[in-house]
């Protein structure tokens, strides 16, 4: 049995993502893994309940996806030029969509960064990494991007 045939690297395209990329590439190299990058754009459907017209919300979401696809492609070109990962932008709740992707694509390992949010910020924004870690059917490697490398 080959470990980690498919590695999923959920990216948020913040300053954290480039710090995690070397770990993903190293693991993929060691195991000969296929790398998948996913960016999940938040769905804005809840704004329709405050009288923002559906077409406006859908148009904005389409623009967000288009911009995210461009940014994700730039990220791939800069940090994964020697790996050729599969990259995809998905609309939805980040943790839910990451878990859905794991199941639908047969991912064997998830590697993701943590933001280290605490207190009120964690309560307000939650922790995608924590939710994925607790609900994932496959191993999840979380990396603190602010720790010093050995």
Protein backbone atom coordinates (compact mmCIF):
# COMPACT_ATOMS: atom_id res chain seq x y z
CA UNK A 1 0.00 0.00 0.00
CA UNK A 2 1.38 3.36 -1.02
CA UNK A 3 0.88 6.16 1.50
CA UNK A 4 -0.32 9.55 0.29
CA UNK A 5 -0.98 8.93 -3.39
CA UNK A 6 -2.96 12.18 -3.37
CA UNK A 7 -2.14 15.15 -1.15
CA UNK A 8 -4.60 18.00 -0.74
CA UNK A 9 -3.23 21.44 0.10
CA UNK A 10 -6.14 23.79 0.88
CA UNK A 11 -4.87 27.33 0.33
CA UNK A 12 -6.34 30.61 1.48
CA UNK A 13 -3.93 32.65 -0.67
CA UNK A 14 -2.84 34.67 2.37
CA UNK A 15 0.76 35.13 3.53
CA UNK A 16 0.47 31.70 5.16
CA UNK A 17 0.10 29.66 1.95
CA UNK A 18 3.65 30.22 0.59
CA UNK A 19 5.08 29.18 3.96
CA UNK A 20 3.32 25.80 3.79
CA UNK A 21 4.11 25.09 0.11
CA UNK A 22 7.66 23.74 0.74
CA UNK A 23 6.29 21.14 3.17
CA UNK A 24 3.72 20.01 0.61
CA UNK A 25 6.33 19.73 -2.13
CA UNK A 26 8.71 17.80 0.14
CA UNK A 27 6.01 15.29 1.14
CA UNK A 28 4.87 14.91 -2.48
CA UNK A 29 8.46 14.30 -3.55
CA UNK A 30 9.08 11.69 -0.84
CA UNK A 31 5.90 9.75 -1.60
CA UNK A 32 5.58 10.41 -5.33
CA UNK A 33 2.20 11.98 -4.66
CA UNK A 34 -0.21 13.84 -6.87
CA UNK A 35 -0.80 17.31 -5.41
CA UNK A 36 -4.20 19.01 -5.33
CA UNK A 37 -4.62 22.68 -4.39
CA UNK A 38 -8.05 23.98 -3.45
CA UNK A 39 -9.17 27.51 -2.67
CA UNK A 40 -12.66 27.81 -1.22
CA UNK A 41 -14.43 31.11 -1.83
CA UNK A 42 -17.14 31.96 0.66
CA UNK A 43 -20.71 31.77 -0.59
CA UNK A 44 -22.53 35.06 -0.11
CA UNK A 45 -26.07 33.71 -0.32
CA UNK A 46 -26.87 34.94 3.20
CA UNK A 47 -26.84 38.50 1.81
CA UNK A 48 -29.98 37.73 -0.19
CA UNK A 49 -31.91 37.75 3.08
CA UNK A 50 -31.12 41.46 3.51
CA UNK A 51 -32.64 42.43 0.17
CA UNK A 52 -29.54 42.23 -1.98
CA UNK A 53 -30.89 40.91 -5.30
CA UNK A 54 -29.92 37.33 -6.21
CA UNK A 55 -28.36 38.34 -9.55
CA UNK A 56 -26.10 40.85 -7.76
CA UNK A 57 -24.89 38.22 -5.32
CA UNK A 58 -24.38 35.63 -8.08
CA UNK A 59 -22.50 38.13 -10.24
CA UNK A 60 -20.27 39.08 -7.34
CA UNK A 61 -19.59 35.41 -6.53
CA UNK A 62 -18.71 34.78 -10.18
CA UNK A 63 -16.24 37.67 -10.06
CA UNK A 64 -14.76 36.32 -6.82
CA UNK A 65 -14.27 32.89 -8.41
CA UNK A 66 -12.72 34.44 -11.52
CA UNK A 67 -10.31 36.51 -9.42
CA UNK A 68 -9.49 33.55 -7.18
CA UNK A 69 -8.75 31.33 -10.20
CA UNK A 70 -6.29 33.93 -11.49
CA UNK A 71 -4.65 34.32 -8.09
CA UNK A 72 -4.48 30.52 -7.61
CA UNK A 73 -2.85 30.11 -11.02
CA UNK A 74 -0.26 32.75 -10.10
CA UNK A 75 0.36 30.91 -6.81
CA UNK A 76 0.87 27.62 -8.67
CA UNK A 77 3.27 29.24 -11.15
CA UNK A 78 5.31 30.81 -8.37
CA UNK A 79 5.41 27.97 -5.84
CA UNK A 80 4.66 24.73 -7.72
CA UNK A 81 6.24 25.15 -11.15
CA UNK A 82 8.06 21.80 -10.81
CA UNK A 83 5.07 19.81 -9.45
CA UNK A 84 2.09 20.49 -11.79
CA UNK A 85 -0.68 20.23 -9.20
CA UNK A 86 -4.37 20.06 -9.92
CA UNK A 87 -5.79 23.41 -8.80
CA UNK A 88 -9.44 24.27 -8.25
CA UNK A 89 -11.58 27.09 -6.85
CA UNK A 90 -14.78 26.01 -5.11
CA UNK A 91 -17.66 28.07 -3.70
CA UNK A 92 -18.92 27.20 -0.24
CA UNK A 93 -17.97 26.80 3.40
CA UNK A 94 -14.21 26.19 3.56
CA UNK A 95 -14.15 23.24 5.96
CA UNK A 96 -17.17 21.53 4.37
CA UNK A 97 -15.83 21.87 0.85
CA UNK A 98 -12.36 20.66 1.83
CA UNK A 99 -13.91 17.55 3.40
CA UNK A 100 -16.15 17.04 0.35
CA UNK A 101 -13.10 17.29 -1.91
CA UNK A 102 -11.20 14.74 0.21
CA UNK A 103 -14.02 12.24 -0.24
CA UNK A 104 -14.82 12.91 -3.90
CA UNK A 105 -11.20 12.89 -5.12
CA UNK A 106 -9.88 10.04 -2.97
CA UNK A 107 -7.35 12.22 -1.17
CA UNK A 108 -5.03 10.31 1.20
CA UNK A 109 -3.47 13.20 3.16
CA UNK A 110 -4.38 16.83 3.84
CA UNK A 111 -1.60 19.32 4.59
CA UNK A 112 -2.73 22.73 5.77
CA UNK A 113 -1.51 25.70 7.71
CA UNK A 114 -2.92 27.09 10.90
CA UNK A 115 -3.41 30.78 11.57
CA UNK A 116 -3.03 30.60 15.33
CA UNK A 117 -6.11 32.70 16.00
CA UNK A 118 -7.04 33.08 19.64
CA UNK A 119 -9.77 34.53 21.78
CA UNK A 120 -12.48 36.59 20.12
CA UNK A 121 -10.91 36.30 16.66
CA UNK A 122 -11.17 32.48 16.86
CA UNK A 123 -14.76 32.69 18.10
CA UNK A 124 -15.75 35.05 15.29
CA UNK A 125 -13.83 33.40 12.44
CA UNK A 126 -13.59 29.84 13.73
CA UNK A 127 -10.83 27.53 12.68
CA UNK A 128 -11.08 25.81 9.33
CA UNK A 129 -8.02 23.69 10.16
CA UNK A 130 -9.57 22.59 13.45
CA UNK A 131 -12.86 21.61 11.81
CA UNK A 132 -11.08 19.69 9.05
CA UNK A 133 -8.79 17.99 11.56
CA UNK A 134 -11.70 16.75 13.67
CA UNK A 135 -13.91 15.57 10.79
CA UNK A 136 -11.46 14.33 8.18
CA UNK A 137 -11.61 10.67 7.16
CA UNK A 138 -7.88 10.82 6.27
CA UNK A 139 -4.78 12.04 8.14
CA UNK A 140 -4.35 15.81 8.39
CA UNK A 141 -0.95 17.42 8.87
CA UNK A 142 -1.28 20.94 10.25
CA UNK A 143 1.68 23.28 10.15
CA UNK A 144 2.18 26.44 12.16
CA UNK A 145 3.60 28.81 9.54
CA UNK A 146 5.12 31.02 12.21
CA UNK A 147 7.22 28.38 13.95
CA UNK A 148 10.90 28.27 13.20
CA UNK A 149 11.93 25.50 10.84
CA UNK A 150 14.32 22.92 12.34
